[in-house]
Amino acid sequence: MTTQKTIAVIGGTGHLGSALARRWAKAGRRVIIGSRAAEAAHKAAADLGFGLTGMANAAAAQAADLIVVTVPFAAQAATLADIAPYVTGKIVVDTTVPLMPPKVMQVQLPAEGSAALRAQSLLGEGVTLVSAFHNVAAHRLITDDEIACDILVFGNDKAARGEVVALAKAAGLRGLHGGALANAAAAEALTSVLIFLNRTYKVDGAGIQITGTLIEPEV
């Protein structure tokens, strides 16, 4: 019998992090909310319920088997530096989208090509980096509503991608393999397009769905 992995949601007091942590905990997963301040993490965990616990980011990363980073692009480098000593040999899921206010409706990818490739460079090859959860609206995810949004999952390790596809399912979403880590640039860029659509067409959290009949790939 496979032991279920403990998940740390780094930056878990933010909108996306708290929404994912709540959904996974409600689904029976062991989840730690991480924050720069342990007190904020404790409060968020207590407020959300479902058996969540809270720790400072570094302690959460150390205690977990799988780490999900849910911080703004401006905080990505500092956050990854904080947890780097504790994530070697683990899967790190980076959700970062390179939004650069005030032009959040304009695609602005970093020099590395994507936030995902930047994360891999910052953490090093000892970490299995997967990129996902870019295009789902956090304010919808925090509810119990069914969300019509597919989650594209990118990474160079197919088995690791598969674990994150399963995490998407546990959150009530459909996860789909999106290919190599470099492909994450497409989903990161699409976030700015979705923000534009939300504002232009008054949409309450536009998402994406892949059409056609999909046959599950062999793992």
C-alpha atoms as a PDB file:
ATOM      1  CA  MET A   1       0.000   0.000   0.000  1.00  0.00           C
ATOM      2  CA  THR A   2       1.432   3.408  -1.048  1.00  0.00           C
ATOM      3  CA  THR A   3       1.769   5.946   1.757  1.00  0.00           C
ATOM      4  CA  GLN A   4       0.005   9.186   0.916  1.00  0.00           C
ATOM      5  CA  LYS A   5       2.352  12.131   0.537  1.00  0.00           C
ATOM      6  CA  THR A   6       2.180  15.180   2.769  1.00  0.00           C
ATOM      7  CA  ILE A   7       1.668  18.353   0.745  1.00  0.00           C
ATOM      8  CA  ALA A   8       3.087  21.754   1.716  1.00  0.00           C
ATOM      9  CA  VAL A   9       1.430  24.756   0.117  1.00  0.00           C
ATOM     10  CA  ILE A  10       4.051  27.496   0.229  1.00  0.00           C
ATOM     11  CA  GLY A  11       2.448  30.926   0.292  1.00  0.00           C
ATOM     12  CA  GLY A  12      -0.669  29.115   1.389  1.00  0.00           C
ATOM     13  CA  THR A  13      -2.264  32.148   3.031  1.00  0.00           C
ATOM     14  CA  GLY A  14      -2.754  33.743  -0.398  1.00  0.00           C
ATOM     15  CA  HIS A  15      -5.855  33.316  -2.544  1.00  0.00           C
ATOM     16  CA  LEU A  16      -4.683  30.413  -4.733  1.00  0.00           C
ATOM     17  CA  GLY A  17      -2.740  28.670  -1.989  1.00  0.00           C
ATOM     18  CA  SER A  18      -5.560  28.708   0.535  1.00  0.00           C
ATOM     19  CA  ALA A  19      -8.080  27.564  -2.082  1.00  0.00           C
ATOM     20  CA  LEU A  20      -5.936  24.591  -3.145  1.00  0.00           C
ATOM     21  CA  ALA A  21      -5.044  23.686   0.450  1.00  0.00           C
ATOM     22  CA  ARG A  22      -8.709  23.694   1.463  1.00  0.00           C
ATOM     23  CA  ARG A  23      -9.778  21.506  -1.477  1.00  0.00           C
ATOM     24  CA  TRP A  24      -6.998  18.968  -0.913  1.00  0.00           C
ATOM     25  CA  ALA A  25      -7.583  18.819   2.832  1.00  0.00           C
ATOM     26  CA  LYS A  26     -11.317  18.407   2.292  1.00  0.00           C
ATOM     27  CA  ALA A  27     -10.501  15.510  -0.050  1.00  0.00           C
ATOM     28  CA  GLY A  28      -8.577  13.803   2.755  1.00  0.00           C
ATOM     29  CA  ARG A  29      -5.024  14.784   1.861  1.00  0.00           C
ATOM     30  CA  ARG A  30      -2.487  15.753   4.537  1.00  0.00           C
ATOM     31  CA  VAL A  31      -1.758  19.418   3.885  1.00  0.00           C
ATOM     32  CA  ILE A  32       0.470  22.001   5.579  1.00  0.00           C
ATOM     33  CA  ILE A  33      -0.058  25.688   4.899  1.00  0.00           C
ATOM     34  CA  GLY A  34       3.207  27.601   4.705  1.00  0.00           C
ATOM     35  CA  SER A  35       3.661  31.338   5.119  1.00  0.00           C
ATOM     36  CA  ARG A  36       6.502  33.781   5.731  1.00  0.00           C
ATOM     37  CA  ALA A  37       5.139  34.108   9.275  1.00  0.00           C
ATOM     38  CA  ALA A  38       4.206  30.929  11.137  1.00  0.00           C
ATOM     39  CA  GLU A  39       1.471  32.798  13.027  1.00  0.00           C
ATOM     40  CA  ALA A  40      -0.276  33.702   9.773  1.00  0.00           C
ATOM     41  CA  ALA A  41      -0.075  30.076   8.645  1.00  0.00           C
ATOM     42  CA  HIS A  42      -1.553  28.829  11.937  1.00  0.00           C
ATOM     43  CA  LYS A  43      -4.455  31.283  11.669  1.00  0.00           C
ATOM     44  CA  ALA A  44      -5.183  30.423   8.027  1.00  0.00           C
ATOM     45  CA  ALA A  45      -5.158  26.697   8.811  1.00  0.00           C
ATOM     46  CA  ALA A  46      -7.542  27.167  11.730  1.00  0.00           C
ATOM     47  CA  ASP A  47      -9.867  29.367   9.689  1.00  0.00           C
ATOM     48  CA  LEU A  48     -10.013  26.922   6.758  1.00  0.00           C
ATOM     49  CA  GLY A  49     -10.404  23.799   8.898  1.00  0.00           C
ATOM     50  CA  PHE A  50     -10.412  20.237   7.487  1.00  0.00           C
ATOM     51  CA  GLY A  51      -7.409  19.252   9.596  1.00  0.00           C
ATOM     52  CA  LEU A  52      -5.004  21.736   7.999  1.00  0.00           C
ATOM     53  CA  THR A  53      -1.873  22.712   9.910  1.00  0.00           C
ATOM     54  CA  GLY A  54       0.342  25.774   9.517  1.00  0.00           C
ATOM     55  CA  MET A  55       4.085  26.432   9.632  1.00  0.00           C
ATOM     56  CA  ALA A  56       6.649  28.902   8.337  1.00  0.00           C
ATOM     57  CA  ASN A  57       7.480  28.239   4.683  1.00  0.00           C
ATOM     58  CA  ALA A  58      10.858  26.591   5.281  1.00  0.00           C
ATOM     59  CA  ALA A  59       9.523  24.317   8.033  1.00  0.00           C
ATOM     60  CA  ALA A  60       6.545  23.348   5.869  1.00  0.00           C
ATOM     61  CA  ALA A  61       8.819  22.452   2.958  1.00  0.00           C
ATOM     62  CA  GLN A  62      11.024  20.375   5.229  1.00  0.00           C
ATOM     63  CA  ALA A  63       8.065  18.477   6.706  1.00  0.00           C
ATOM     64  CA  ALA A  64       6.393  17.701   3.372  1.00  0.00           C
ATOM     65  CA  ASP A  65       6.995  15.185   0.600  1.00  0.00           C
ATOM     66  CA  LEU A  66       5.554  17.338  -2.185  1.00  0.00           C
ATOM     67  CA  ILE A  67       5.723  21.130  -2.270  1.00  0.00           C
ATOM     68  CA  VAL A  68       3.358  23.494  -4.089  1.00  0.00           C
ATOM     69  CA  VAL A  69       4.587  27.088  -4.452  1.00  0.00           C
ATOM     70  CA  THR A  70       1.760  29.627  -4.755  1.00  0.00           C
ATOM     71  CA  VAL A  71       3.356  33.062  -4.523  1.00  0.00           C
ATOM     72  CA  PRO A  72       3.325  36.128  -6.798  1.00  0.00           C
ATOM     73  CA  PHE A  73       6.109  36.445  -9.367  1.00  0.00           C
ATOM     74  CA  ALA A  74       7.707  39.276  -7.354  1.00  0.00           C
ATOM     75  CA  ALA A  75       8.153  36.894  -4.400  1.00  0.00           C
ATOM     76  CA  GLN A  76       9.205  33.805  -6.389  1.00  0.00           C
ATOM     77  CA  ALA A  77      12.998  34.114  -6.128  1.00  0.00           C
ATOM     78  CA  ALA A  78      13.075  34.919  -2.397  1.00  0.00           C
ATOM     79  CA  THR A  79      10.569  32.182  -1.574  1.00  0.00           C
ATOM     80  CA  LEU A  80      12.447  29.525  -3.529  1.00  0.00           C
ATOM     81  CA  ALA A  81      15.713  30.570  -1.867  1.00  0.00           C
ATOM     82  CA  ASP A  82      14.025  30.124   1.523  1.00  0.00           C
ATOM     83  CA  ILE A  83      12.834  26.575   0.840  1.00  0.00           C
ATOM     84  CA  ALA A  84      15.711  25.400  -1.399  1.00  0.00           C
ATOM     85  CA  PRO A  85      17.651  23.607   1.385  1.00  0.00           C
ATOM     86  CA  TYR A  86      14.619  21.390   2.091  1.00  0.00           C
ATOM     87  CA  VAL A  87      13.336  20.360  -1.343  1.00  0.00           C
ATOM     88  CA  THR A  88      16.184  18.374  -2.889  1.00  0.00           C
ATOM     89  CA  GLY A  89      14.883  15.029  -4.126  1.00  0.00           C
ATOM     90  CA  LYS A  90      11.256  16.175  -3.922  1.00  0.00           C
ATOM     91  CA  ILE A  91       8.634  17.278  -6.422  1.00  0.00           C
ATOM     92  CA  VAL A  92       8.093  21.035  -6.392  1.00  0.00           C
ATOM     93  CA  VAL A  93       4.989  22.311  -8.172  1.00  0.00           C
ATOM     94  CA  ASP A  94       5.405  25.932  -9.232  1.00  0.00           C
ATOM     95  CA  THR A  95       2.199  27.852  -9.973  1.00  0.00           C
ATOM     96  CA  THR A  96       3.889  31.196 -10.580  1.00  0.00           C
ATOM     97  CA  VAL A  97       2.621  33.413 -13.371  1.00  0.00           C
ATOM     98  CA  PRO A  98       4.882  36.326 -14.398  1.00  0.00           C
ATOM     99  CA  LEU A  99       2.302  39.072 -13.992  1.00  0.00           C
ATOM    100  CA  MET A 100       3.977  42.463 -13.758  1.00  0.00           C
ATOM    101  CA  PRO A 101       1.604  45.200 -12.574  1.00  0.00           C
ATOM    102  CA  PRO A 102       0.174  47.428 -13.806  1.00  0.00           C
ATOM    103  CA  LYS A 103       0.174  45.686 -17.231  1.00  0.00           C
ATOM    104  CA  VAL A 104      -1.271  42.358 -16.076  1.00  0.00           C
ATOM    105  CA  MET A 105      -3.276  41.963 -19.292  1.00  0.00           C
ATOM    106  CA  GLN A 106      -0.053  41.985 -21.330  1.00  0.00           C
ATOM    107  CA  VAL A 107       2.143  38.882 -21.642  1.00  0.00           C
ATOM    108  CA  GLN A 108       5.543  39.551 -20.047  1.00  0.00           C
ATOM    109  CA  LEU A 109       7.607  36.374 -19.786  1.00  0.00           C
ATOM    110  CA  PRO A 110      10.955  36.566 -17.951  1.00  0.00           C
ATOM    111  CA  ALA A 111      14.362  36.291 -19.613  1.00  0.00           C
ATOM    112  CA  GLU A 112      14.531  32.565 -18.789  1.00  0.00           C
ATOM    113  CA  GLY A 113      11.508  31.964 -21.036  1.00  0.00           C
ATOM    114  CA  SER A 114       8.996  31.234 -18.277  1.00  0.00           C
ATOM    115  CA  ALA A 115       8.572  31.418 -14.517  1.00  0.00           C
ATOM    116  CA  ALA A 116       8.792  27.609 -14.479  1.00  0.00           C
ATOM    117  CA  LEU A 117      12.206  27.527 -16.139  1.00  0.00           C
ATOM    118  CA  ARG A 118      13.314  30.293 -13.792  1.00  0.00           C
ATOM    119  CA  ALA A 119      12.202  28.178 -10.830  1.00  0.00           C
ATOM    120  CA  GLN A 120      14.111  25.139 -12.108  1.00  0.00           C
ATOM    121  CA  SER A 121      17.231  27.264 -12.528  1.00  0.00           C
ATOM    122  CA  LEU A 122      16.911  28.690  -9.022  1.00  0.00           C
ATOM    123  CA  LEU A 123      16.293  25.318  -7.340  1.00  0.00           C
ATOM    124  CA  GLY A 124      18.768  23.264  -9.378  1.00  0.00           C
ATOM    125  CA  GLU A 125      18.599  19.853 -11.011  1.00  0.00           C
ATOM    126  CA  GLY A 126      18.202  18.037  -7.690  1.00  0.00           C
ATOM    127  CA  VAL A 127      14.543  19.089  -7.665  1.00  0.00           C
ATOM    128  CA  THR A 128      11.838  17.632  -9.919  1.00  0.00           C
ATOM    129  CA  LEU A 129      10.018  20.760 -11.068  1.00  0.00           C
ATOM    130  CA  VAL A 130       6.420  20.603 -12.288  1.00  0.00           C
ATOM    131  CA  SER A 131       4.384  23.630 -13.352  1.00  0.00           C
ATOM    132  CA  ALA A 132       0.586  23.802 -13.052  1.00  0.00           C
ATOM    133  CA  PHE A 133      -2.543  25.606 -11.755  1.00  0.00           C
ATOM    134  CA  HIS A 134      -1.942  28.807 -13.750  1.00  0.00           C
ATOM    135  CA  ASN A 135      -5.363  29.368 -15.283  1.00  0.00           C
ATOM    136  CA  VAL A 136      -7.907  28.582 -12.569  1.00  0.00           C
ATOM    137  CA  ALA A 137      -9.655  31.448 -10.750  1.00  0.00           C
ATOM    138  CA  ALA A 138      -8.782  31.323  -7.040  1.00  0.00           C
ATOM    139  CA  HIS A 139     -12.003  33.036  -5.965  1.00  0.00           C
ATOM    140  CA  ARG A 140     -13.953  30.235  -7.635  1.00  0.00           C
ATOM    141  CA  LEU A 141     -11.655  27.525  -6.301  1.00  0.00           C
ATOM    142  CA  ILE A 142     -12.188  28.536  -2.679  1.00  0.00           C
ATOM    143  CA  THR A 143     -15.880  27.607  -3.024  1.00  0.00           C
ATOM    144  CA  ASP A 144     -17.366  24.130  -3.317  1.00  0.00           C
ATOM    145  CA  ASP A 145     -18.660  24.899  -6.801  1.00  0.00           C
ATOM    146  CA  GLU A 146     -17.816  22.723  -9.781  1.00  0.00           C
ATOM    147  CA  ILE A 147     -15.330  24.621 -11.937  1.00  0.00           C
ATOM    148  CA  ALA A 148     -15.232  24.246 -15.718  1.00  0.00           C
ATOM    149  CA  CYS A 149     -11.466  24.604 -16.067  1.00  0.00           C
ATOM    150  CA  ASP A 150      -8.783  22.145 -17.150  1.00  0.00           C
ATOM    151  CA  ILE A 151      -5.382  22.225 -15.461  1.00  0.00           C
ATOM    152  CA  LEU A 152      -2.428  21.887 -17.835  1.00  0.00           C
ATOM    153  CA  VAL A 153       0.521  20.195 -16.124  1.00  0.00           C
ATOM    154  CA  PHE A 154       4.078  20.620 -17.409  1.00  0.00           C
ATOM    155  CA  GLY A 155       7.308  18.902 -16.473  1.00  0.00           C
ATOM    156  CA  ASN A 156      10.169  16.884 -17.896  1.00  0.00           C
ATOM    157  CA  ASP A 157       9.402  13.895 -15.643  1.00  0.00           C
ATOM    158  CA  LYS A 158       6.236  12.122 -16.825  1.00  0.00           C
ATOM    159  CA  ALA A 159       5.651  10.272 -13.547  1.00  0.00           C
ATOM    160  CA  ALA A 160       5.909  13.516 -11.578  1.00  0.00           C
ATOM    161  CA  ARG A 161       3.466  15.153 -13.978  1.00  0.00           C
ATOM    162  CA  GLY A 162       1.133  12.251 -13.326  1.00  0.00           C
ATOM    163  CA  GLU A 163       1.211  12.910  -9.581  1.00  0.00           C
ATOM    164  CA  VAL A 164       0.201  16.521 -10.172  1.00  0.00           C
ATOM    165  CA  VAL A 165      -2.534  15.478 -12.594  1.00  0.00           C
ATOM    166  CA  ALA A 166      -3.874  13.372  -9.703  1.00  0.00           C
ATOM    167  CA  LEU A 167      -3.653  16.387  -7.393  1.00  0.00           C
ATOM    168  CA  ALA A 168      -5.759  18.382  -9.835  1.00  0.00           C
ATOM    169  CA  LYS A 169      -8.365  15.611  -9.742  1.00  0.00           C
ATOM    170  CA  ALA A 170      -8.310  15.628  -5.937  1.00  0.00           C
ATOM    171  CA  ALA A 171      -9.121  19.345  -6.111  1.00  0.00           C
ATOM    172  CA  GLY A 172     -12.144  18.620  -8.299  1.00  0.00           C
ATOM    173  CA  LEU A 173     -10.484  19.652 -11.551  1.00  0.00           C
ATOM    174  CA  ARG A 174      -9.347  17.831 -14.685  1.00  0.00           C
ATOM    175  CA  GLY A 175      -5.574  17.705 -14.947  1.00  0.00           C
ATOM    176  CA  LEU A 176      -3.972  17.124 -18.341  1.00  0.00           C
ATOM    177  CA  HIS A 177      -0.378  16.404 -19.324  1.00  0.00           C
ATOM    178  CA  GLY A 178       0.914  19.493 -21.154  1.00  0.00           C
ATOM    179  CA  GLY A 179       4.375  18.175 -22.012  1.00  0.00           C
ATOM    180  CA  ALA A 180       7.854  19.449 -21.204  1.00  0.00           C
ATOM    181  CA  LEU A 181       8.542  22.134 -18.614  1.00  0.00           C
ATOM    182  CA  ALA A 182       9.381  24.614 -21.381  1.00  0.00           C
ATOM    183  CA  ASN A 183       5.750  24.381 -22.538  1.00  0.00           C
ATOM    184  CA  ALA A 184       4.624  26.064 -19.311  1.00  0.00           C
ATOM    185  CA  ALA A 185       5.294  29.380 -21.053  1.00  0.00           C
ATOM    186  CA  ALA A 186       2.037  28.876 -22.970  1.00  0.00           C
ATOM    187  CA  ALA A 187      -0.132  28.552 -19.833  1.00  0.00           C
ATOM    188  CA  GLU A 188       1.715  31.353 -18.055  1.00  0.00           C
ATOM    189  CA  ALA A 189       1.122  33.676 -21.011  1.00  0.00           C
ATOM    190  CA  LEU A 190      -2.502  32.590 -21.302  1.00  0.00           C
ATOM    191  CA  THR A 191      -3.198  33.955 -17.819  1.00  0.00           C
ATOM    192  CA  SER A 192      -2.821  37.519 -19.086  1.00  0.00           C
ATOM    193  CA  VAL A 193      -5.193  36.698 -21.942  1.00  0.00           C
ATOM    194  CA  LEU A 194      -7.760  35.316 -19.469  1.00  0.00           C
ATOM    195  CA  ILE A 195      -7.513  38.449 -17.323  1.00  0.00           C
ATOM    196  CA  PHE A 196      -8.166  40.504 -20.463  1.00  0.00           C
ATOM    197  CA  LEU A 197     -11.186  38.337 -21.293  1.00  0.00           C
ATOM    198  CA  ASN A 198     -12.523  38.660 -17.744  1.00  0.00           C
ATOM    199  CA  ARG A 199     -12.384  42.433 -17.889  1.00  0.00           C
ATOM    200  CA  THR A 200     -13.510  42.848 -21.479  1.00  0.00           C
ATOM    201  CA  TYR A 201     -16.424  40.415 -21.401  1.00  0.00           C
ATOM    202  CA  LYS A 202     -17.309  40.708 -17.682  1.00  0.00           C
ATOM    203  CA  VAL A 203     -16.537  37.039 -17.019  1.00  0.00           C
ATOM    204  CA  ASP A 204     -16.408  35.793 -13.429  1.00  0.00           C
ATOM    205  CA  GLY A 205     -13.182  33.807 -13.705  1.00  0.00           C
ATOM    206  CA  ALA A 206     -12.615  32.647 -17.292  1.00  0.00           C
ATOM    207  CA  GLY A 207     -10.826  29.319 -17.608  1.00  0.00           C
ATOM    208  CA  ILE A 208      -9.837  26.880 -20.341  1.00  0.00           C
ATOM    209  CA  GLN A 209     -11.222  23.523 -21.427  1.00  0.00           C
ATOM    210  CA  ILE A 210      -9.638  21.199 -23.984  1.00  0.00           C
ATOM    211  CA  THR A 211     -12.163  19.861 -26.485  1.00  0.00           C
ATOM    212  CA  GLY A 212     -12.297  16.411 -28.045  1.00  0.00           C
ATOM    213  CA  THR A 213     -12.353  12.897 -26.660  1.00  0.00           C
ATOM    214  CA  LEU A 214      -9.131  12.344 -24.707  1.00  0.00           C
ATOM    215  CA  ILE A 215      -7.665   8.886 -24.096  1.00  0.00           C
ATOM    216  CA  GLU A 216      -5.657   8.647 -20.884  1.00  0.00           C
ATOM    217  CA  PRO A 217      -1.914   8.213 -21.585  1.00  0.00           C
ATOM    218  CA  GLU A 218       0.045   5.271 -20.249  1.00  0.00           C
ATOM    219  CA  VAL A 219       2.176   6.196 -17.229  1.00  0.00           C
END
